Amino acid sequence: GKEREFVATITWTGNTYYTDSVKGRFT
């Protein structure tokens, strides 16, 4: 019942980005 949302991404060089709700829990 929800829209698709961003969770995390990683670039070729290893830079990572996370949505706030998963920071500290997901890697």
PDB file of all heavy atoms in Angstrom:
ATOM      1  N   GLY A   1       0.779  -1.227   0.000  1.00  0.00           N
ATOM      2  CA  GLY A   1       0.000   0.000   0.000  1.00  0.00           C
ATOM      3  C   GLY A   1       0.810   1.276   0.000  1.00  0.00           C
ATOM      4  O   GLY A   1       0.237   2.364   0.131  1.00  0.00           O
ATOM      5  N   LYS A   2       2.121   1.171  -0.144  1.00  0.00           N
ATOM      6  CA  LYS A   2       2.996   2.344  -0.126  1.00  0.00           C
ATOM      7  C   LYS A   2       3.723   2.513  -1.451  1.00  0.00           C
ATOM      8  O   LYS A   2       3.801   1.588  -2.259  1.00  0.00           O
ATOM      9  CB  LYS A   2       4.026   2.224   1.002  1.00  0.00           C
ATOM     10  CG  LYS A   2       3.444   1.987   2.379  1.00  0.00           C
ATOM     11  CD  LYS A   2       2.654   3.181   2.868  1.00  0.00           C
ATOM     12  CE  LYS A   2       2.153   2.949   4.281  1.00  0.00           C
ATOM     13  NZ  LYS A   2       1.365   4.109   4.773  1.00  0.00           N
ATOM     14  N   GLU A   3       4.252   3.707  -1.658  1.00  0.00           N
ATOM     15  CA  GLU A   3       5.053   3.975  -2.843  1.00  0.00           C
ATOM     16  C   GLU A   3       6.452   3.418  -2.651  1.00  0.00           C
ATOM     17  O   GLU A   3       6.937   3.278  -1.530  1.00  0.00           O
ATOM     18  CB  GLU A   3       5.116   5.478  -3.115  1.00  0.00           C
ATOM     19  CG  GLU A   3       3.785   6.109  -3.462  1.00  0.00           C
ATOM     20  CD  GLU A   3       3.239   5.614  -4.776  1.00  0.00           C
ATOM     21  OE1 GLU A   3       4.028   5.446  -5.730  1.00  0.00           O
ATOM     22  OE2 GLU A   3       2.027   5.382  -4.862  1.00  0.00           O
ATOM     23  N   ARG A   4       7.113   3.120  -3.746  1.00  0.00           N
ATOM     24  CA  ARG A   4       8.470   2.625  -3.670  1.00  0.00           C
ATOM     25  C   ARG A   4       9.394   3.743  -3.181  1.00  0.00           C
ATOM     26  O   ARG A   4       9.261   4.895  -3.596  1.00  0.00           O
ATOM     27  CB  ARG A   4       8.933   2.119  -5.037  1.00  0.00           C
ATOM     28  CG  ARG A   4      10.287   1.425  -5.005  1.00  0.00           C
ATOM     29  CD  ARG A   4      10.471   0.518  -6.198  1.00  0.00           C
ATOM     30  NE  ARG A   4      10.367   1.219  -7.458  1.00  0.00           N
ATOM     31  CZ  ARG A   4      10.345   0.632  -8.646  1.00  0.00           C
ATOM     32  NH1 ARG A   4      10.406  -0.695  -8.721  1.00  0.00           N
ATOM     33  NH2 ARG A   4      10.249   1.355  -9.735  1.00  0.00           N
ATOM     34  N   GLU A   5      10.321   3.403  -2.297  1.00  0.00           N
ATOM     35  CA  GLU A   5      11.206   4.391  -1.717  1.00  0.00           C
ATOM     36  C   GLU A   5      12.666   3.953  -1.779  1.00  0.00           C
ATOM     37  O   GLU A   5      12.982   2.766  -1.822  1.00  0.00           O
ATOM     38  CB  GLU A   5      10.821   4.668  -0.258  1.00  0.00           C
ATOM     39  CG  GLU A   5      11.010   3.473   0.670  1.00  0.00           C
ATOM     40  CD  GLU A   5      10.768   3.799   2.133  1.00  0.00           C
ATOM     41  OE1 GLU A   5      10.677   4.991   2.475  1.00  0.00           O
ATOM     42  OE2 GLU A   5      10.672   2.848   2.944  1.00  0.00           O
ATOM     43  N   PHE A   6      13.537   4.927  -1.752  1.00  0.00           N
ATOM     44  CA  PHE A   6      14.968   4.689  -1.753  1.00  0.00           C
ATOM     45  C   PHE A   6      15.416   4.128  -0.413  1.00  0.00           C
ATOM     46  O   PHE A   6      14.935   4.550   0.635  1.00  0.00           O
ATOM     47  CB  PHE A   6      15.707   6.001  -2.038  1.00  0.00           C
ATOM     48  CG  PHE A   6      17.186   5.946  -1.774  1.00  0.00           C
ATOM     49  CD1 PHE A   6      18.047   5.337  -2.676  1.00  0.00           C
ATOM     50  CD2 PHE A   6      17.721   6.502  -0.632  1.00  0.00           C
ATOM     51  CE1 PHE A   6      19.409   5.287  -2.443  1.00  0.00           C
ATOM     52  CE2 PHE A   6      19.079   6.460  -0.379  1.00  0.00           C
ATOM     53  CZ  PHE A   6      19.922   5.847  -1.290  1.00  0.00           C
ATOM     54  N   VAL A   7      16.357   3.181  -0.449  1.00  0.00           N
ATOM     55  CA  VAL A   7      16.904   2.594   0.765  1.00  0.00           C
ATOM     56  C   VAL A   7      18.393   2.906   0.897  1.00  0.00           C
ATOM     57  O   VAL A   7      18.832   3.506   1.875  1.00  0.00           O
ATOM     58  CB  VAL A   7      16.701   1.067   0.810  1.00  0.00           C
ATOM     59  CG1 VAL A   7      17.348   0.476   2.063  1.00  0.00           C
ATOM     60  CG2 VAL A   7      15.217   0.731   0.767  1.00  0.00           C
ATOM     61  N   ALA A   8      19.179   2.491  -0.084  1.00  0.00           N
ATOM     62  CA  ALA A   8      20.627   2.687  -0.027  1.00  0.00           C
ATOM     63  C   ALA A   8      21.221   2.545  -1.415  1.00  0.00           C
ATOM     64  O   ALA A   8      20.643   1.907  -2.288  1.00  0.00           O
ATOM     65  CB  ALA A   8      21.270   1.677   0.925  1.00  0.00           C
ATOM     66  N   THR A   9      22.398   3.131  -1.605  1.00  0.00           N
ATOM     67  CA  THR A   9      23.104   2.986  -2.870  1.00  0.00           C
ATOM     68  C   THR A   9      24.599   3.042  -2.625  1.00  0.00           C
ATOM     69  O   THR A   9      25.056   3.569  -1.603  1.00  0.00           O
ATOM     70  CB  THR A   9      22.690   4.075  -3.886  1.00  0.00           C
ATOM     71  OG1 THR A   9      23.181   3.739  -5.189  1.00  0.00           O
ATOM     72  CG2 THR A   9      23.249   5.439  -3.483  1.00  0.00           C
ATOM     73  N   ILE A  10      25.354   2.493  -3.550  1.00  0.00           N
ATOM     74  CA  ILE A  10      26.809   2.512  -3.470  1.00  0.00           C
ATOM     75  C   ILE A  10      27.366   2.747  -4.866  1.00  0.00           C
ATOM     76  O   ILE A  10      26.893   2.167  -5.839  1.00  0.00           O
ATOM     77  CB  ILE A  10      27.355   1.202  -2.850  1.00  0.00           C
ATOM     78  CG1 ILE A  10      28.874   1.275  -2.684  1.00  0.00           C
ATOM     79  CG2 ILE A  10      26.958  -0.014  -3.685  1.00  0.00           C
ATOM     80  CD1 ILE A  10      29.447   0.144  -1.836  1.00  0.00           C
ATOM     81  N   THR A  11      28.369   3.618  -4.962  1.00  0.00           N
ATOM     82  CA  THR A  11      28.986   3.909  -6.245  1.00  0.00           C
ATOM     83  C   THR A  11      30.121   2.941  -6.518  1.00  0.00           C
ATOM     84  O   THR A  11      30.535   2.174  -5.646  1.00  0.00           O
ATOM     85  CB  THR A  11      29.535   5.350  -6.287  1.00  0.00           C
ATOM     86  OG1 THR A  11      30.645   5.463  -5.383  1.00  0.00           O
ATOM     87  CG2 THR A  11      28.465   6.362  -5.899  1.00  0.00           C
ATOM     88  N   TRP A  12      30.646   2.982  -7.741  1.00  0.00           N
ATOM     89  CA  TRP A  12      31.750   2.122  -8.139  1.00  0.00           C
ATOM     90  C   TRP A  12      32.969   2.339  -7.259  1.00  0.00           C
ATOM     91  O   TRP A  12      33.733   1.403  -7.001  1.00  0.00           O
ATOM     92  CB  TRP A  12      32.101   2.364  -9.604  1.00  0.00           C
ATOM     93  CG  TRP A  12      33.116   1.433 -10.152  1.00  0.00           C
ATOM     94  CD1 TRP A  12      34.461   1.662 -10.305  1.00  0.00           C
ATOM     95  CD2 TRP A  12      32.889   0.102 -10.651  1.00  0.00           C
ATOM     96  NE1 TRP A  12      35.077   0.570 -10.858  1.00  0.00           N
ATOM     97  CE2 TRP A  12      34.139  -0.405 -11.092  1.00  0.00           C
ATOM     98  CE3 TRP A  12      31.750  -0.696 -10.771  1.00  0.00           C
ATOM     99  CZ2 TRP A  12      34.266  -1.681 -11.629  1.00  0.00           C
ATOM    100  CZ3 TRP A  12      31.882  -1.966 -11.307  1.00  0.00           C
ATOM    101  CH2 TRP A  12      33.130  -2.438 -11.729  1.00  0.00           C
ATOM    102  N   THR A  13      33.167   3.563  -6.800  1.00  0.00           N
ATOM    103  CA  THR A  13      34.312   3.900  -5.982  1.00  0.00           C
ATOM    104  C   THR A  13      34.085   3.643  -4.490  1.00  0.00           C
ATOM    105  O   THR A  13      34.987   3.855  -3.682  1.00  0.00           O
ATOM    106  CB  THR A  13      34.720   5.365  -6.178  1.00  0.00           C
ATOM    107  OG1 THR A  13      33.587   6.215  -5.975  1.00  0.00           O
ATOM    108  CG2 THR A  13      35.244   5.579  -7.592  1.00  0.00           C
ATOM    109  N   GLY A  14      32.892   3.207  -4.135  1.00  0.00           N
ATOM    110  CA  GLY A  14      32.629   2.832  -2.764  1.00  0.00           C
ATOM    111  C   GLY A  14      31.902   3.836  -1.896  1.00  0.00           C
ATOM    112  O   GLY A  14      31.746   3.601  -0.692  1.00  0.00           O
ATOM    113  N   ASN A  15      31.472   4.944  -2.458  1.00  0.00           N
ATOM    114  CA  ASN A  15      30.701   5.912  -1.683  1.00  0.00           C
ATOM    115  C   ASN A  15      29.305   5.369  -1.435  1.00  0.00           C
ATOM    116  O   ASN A  15      28.668   4.845  -2.346  1.00  0.00           O
ATOM    117  CB  ASN A  15      30.622   7.246  -2.416  1.00  0.00           C
ATOM    118  CG  ASN A  15      31.975   7.910  -2.538  1.00  0.00           C
ATOM    119  OD1 ASN A  15      32.746   7.946  -1.584  1.00  0.00           O
ATOM    120  ND2 ASN A  15      32.275   8.451  -3.705  1.00  0.00           N
ATOM    121  N   THR A  16      28.832   5.500  -0.216  1.00  0.00           N
ATOM    122  CA  THR A  16      27.528   4.965   0.155  1.00  0.00           C
ATOM    123  C   THR A  16      26.579   6.053   0.614  1.00  0.00           C
ATOM    124  O   THR A  16      26.994   7.074   1.166  1.00  0.00           O
ATOM    125  CB  THR A  16      27.663   3.914   1.267  1.00  0.00           C
ATOM    126  OG1 THR A  16      28.282   4.501   2.414  1.00  0.00           O
ATOM    127  CG2 THR A  16      28.499   2.739   0.793  1.00  0.00           C
ATOM    128  N   TYR A  17      25.301   5.805   0.403  1.00  0.00           N
ATOM    129  CA  TYR A  17      24.249   6.726   0.805  1.00  0.00           C
ATOM    130  C   TYR A  17      23.078   5.906   1.330  1.00  0.00           C
ATOM    131  O   TYR A  17      22.741   4.864   0.769  1.00  0.00           O
ATOM    132  CB  TYR A  17      23.803   7.595  -0.369  1.00  0.00           C
ATOM    133  CG  TYR A  17      24.939   8.321  -1.046  1.00  0.00           C
ATOM    134  CD1 TYR A  17      25.642   7.718  -2.083  1.00  0.00           C
ATOM    135  CD2 TYR A  17      25.312   9.598  -0.640  1.00  0.00           C
ATOM    136  CE1 TYR A  17      26.697   8.367  -2.700  1.00  0.00           C
ATOM    137  CE2 TYR A  17      26.370  10.248  -1.256  1.00  0.00           C
ATOM    138  CZ  TYR A  17      27.056   9.634  -2.288  1.00  0.00           C
ATOM    139  OH  TYR A  17      28.105  10.284  -2.899  1.00  0.00           O
ATOM    140  N   TYR A  18      22.448   6.388   2.403  1.00  0.00           N
ATOM    141  CA  TYR A  18      21.339   5.682   3.022  1.00  0.00           C
ATOM    142  C   TYR A  18      20.191   6.623   3.323  1.00  0.00           C
ATOM    143  O   TYR A  18      20.389   7.800   3.613  1.00  0.00           O
ATOM    144  CB  TYR A  18      21.760   5.038   4.345  1.00  0.00           C
ATOM    145  CG  TYR A  18      22.875   4.030   4.247  1.00  0.00           C
ATOM    146  CD1 TYR A  18      24.202   4.425   4.366  1.00  0.00           C
ATOM    147  CD2 TYR A  18      22.594   2.683   4.058  1.00  0.00           C
ATOM    148  CE1 TYR A  18      25.231   3.495   4.283  1.00  0.00           C
ATOM    149  CE2 TYR A  18      23.618   1.750   3.977  1.00  0.00           C
ATOM    150  CZ  TYR A  18      24.938   2.163   4.094  1.00  0.00           C
ATOM    151  OH  TYR A  18      25.949   1.234   4.014  1.00  0.00           O
ATOM    152  N   THR A  19      19.001   6.091   3.281  1.00  0.00           N
ATOM    153  CA  THR A  19      17.864   6.850   3.756  1.00  0.00           C
ATOM    154  C   THR A  19      17.933   6.866   5.284  1.00  0.00           C
ATOM    155  O   THR A  19      18.461   5.931   5.899  1.00  0.00           O
ATOM    156  CB  THR A  19      16.536   6.238   3.267  1.00  0.00           C
ATOM    157  OG1 THR A  19      15.453   7.137   3.559  1.00  0.00           O
ATOM    158  CG2 THR A  19      16.260   4.907   3.936  1.00  0.00           C
ATOM    159  N   ASP A  20      17.433   7.923   5.898  1.00  0.00           N
ATOM    160  CA  ASP A  20      17.586   8.111   7.337  1.00  0.00           C
ATOM    161  C   ASP A  20      17.048   6.948   8.170  1.00  0.00           C
ATOM    162  O   ASP A  20      17.618   6.609   9.211  1.00  0.00           O
ATOM    163  CB  ASP A  20      16.903   9.407   7.774  1.00  0.00           C
ATOM    164  CG  ASP A  20      17.656  10.643   7.336  1.00  0.00           C
ATOM    165  OD1 ASP A  20      18.845  10.524   6.981  1.00  0.00           O
ATOM    166  OD2 ASP A  20      17.056  11.737   7.358  1.00  0.00           O
ATOM    167  N   SER A  21      15.975   6.342   7.740  1.00  0.00           N
ATOM    168  CA  SER A  21      15.331   5.307   8.531  1.00  0.00           C
ATOM    169  C   SER A  21      16.149   4.019   8.676  1.00  0.00           C
ATOM    170  O   SER A  21      15.862   3.208   9.553  1.00  0.00           O
ATOM    171  CB  SER A  21      13.958   4.966   7.948  1.00  0.00           C
ATOM    172  OG  SER A  21      14.075   4.419   6.646  1.00  0.00           O
ATOM    173  N   VAL A  22      17.173   3.841   7.847  1.00  0.00           N
ATOM    174  CA  VAL A  22      17.965   2.618   7.922  1.00  0.00           C
ATOM    175  C   VAL A  22      19.403   2.866   8.346  1.00  0.00           C
ATOM    176  O   VAL A  22      20.162   1.909   8.536  1.00  0.00           O
ATOM    177  CB  VAL A  22      17.960   1.844   6.585  1.00  0.00           C
ATOM    178  CG1 VAL A  22      16.533   1.602   6.121  1.00  0.00           C
ATOM    179  CG2 VAL A  22      18.764   2.582   5.523  1.00  0.00           C
ATOM    180  N   LYS A  23      19.788   4.109   8.522  1.00  0.00           N
ATOM    181  CA  LYS A  23      21.154   4.430   8.926  1.00  0.00           C
ATOM    182  C   LYS A  23      21.479   3.791  10.274  1.00  0.00           C
ATOM    183  O   LYS A  23      20.707   3.871  11.218  1.00  0.00           O
ATOM    184  CB  LYS A  23      21.349   5.943   9.010  1.00  0.00           C
ATOM    185  CG  LYS A  23      21.392   6.632   7.663  1.00  0.00           C
ATOM    186  CD  LYS A  23      21.614   8.135   7.818  1.00  0.00           C
ATOM    187  CE  LYS A  23      21.685   8.820   6.466  1.00  0.00           C
ATOM    188  NZ  LYS A  23      21.846  10.287   6.594  1.00  0.00           N
ATOM    189  N   GLY A  24      22.639   3.157  10.338  1.00  0.00           N
ATOM    190  CA  GLY A  24      23.053   2.481  11.553  1.00  0.00           C
ATOM    191  C   GLY A  24      22.561   1.058  11.652  1.00  0.00           C
ATOM    192  O   GLY A  24      23.022   0.305  12.522  1.00  0.00           O
ATOM    193  N   ARG A  25      21.634   0.674  10.799  1.00  0.00           N
ATOM    194  CA  ARG A  25      21.090  -0.678  10.819  1.00  0.00           C
ATOM    195  C   ARG A  25      21.434  -1.464   9.554  1.00  0.00           C
ATOM    196  O   ARG A  25      21.682  -2.664   9.617  1.00  0.00           O
ATOM    197  CB  ARG A  25      19.571  -0.646  10.983  1.00  0.00           C
ATOM    198  CG  ARG A  25      19.102  -0.004  12.276  1.00  0.00           C
ATOM    199  CD  ARG A  25      17.613  -0.217  12.486  1.00  0.00           C
ATOM    200  NE  ARG A  25      16.809   0.379  11.415  1.00  0.00           N
ATOM    201  CZ  ARG A  25      15.967  -0.295  10.641  1.00  0.00           C
ATOM    202  NH1 ARG A  25      15.814  -1.606  10.815  1.00  0.00           N
ATOM    203  NH2 ARG A  25      15.264   0.330   9.706  1.00  0.00           N
ATOM    204  N   PHE A  26      21.420  -0.785   8.418  1.00  0.00           N
ATOM    205  CA  PHE A  26      21.691  -1.432   7.135  1.00  0.00           C
ATOM    206  C   PHE A  26      23.080  -1.045   6.636  1.00  0.00           C
ATOM    207  O   PHE A  26      23.548   0.076   6.864  1.00  0.00           O
ATOM    208  CB  PHE A  26      20.673  -1.013   6.080  1.00  0.00           C
ATOM    209  CG  PHE A  26      19.279  -1.544   6.290  1.00  0.00           C
ATOM    210  CD1 PHE A  26      18.905  -2.173   7.471  1.00  0.00           C
ATOM    211  CD2 PHE A  26      18.328  -1.408   5.287  1.00  0.00           C
ATOM    212  CE1 PHE A  26      17.623  -2.657   7.665  1.00  0.00           C
ATOM    213  CE2 PHE A  26      17.041  -1.882   5.459  1.00  0.00           C
ATOM    214  CZ  PHE A  26      16.684  -2.507   6.650  1.00  0.00           C
ATOM    215  N   THR A  27      23.711  -1.963   5.935  1.00  0.00           N
ATOM    216  CA  THR A  27      25.003  -1.696   5.324  1.00  0.00           C
ATOM    217  C   THR A  27      25.002  -2.214   3.893  1.00  0.00           C
ATOM    218  O   THR A  27      24.713  -3.388   3.654  1.00  0.00           O
ATOM    219  CB  THR A  27      26.152  -2.365   6.099  1.00  0.00           C
ATOM    220  OG1 THR A  27      26.163  -1.904   7.452  1.00  0.00           O
ATOM    221  CG2 THR A  27      27.489  -2.026   5.455  1.00  0.00           C
TER     222      THR A  27
END
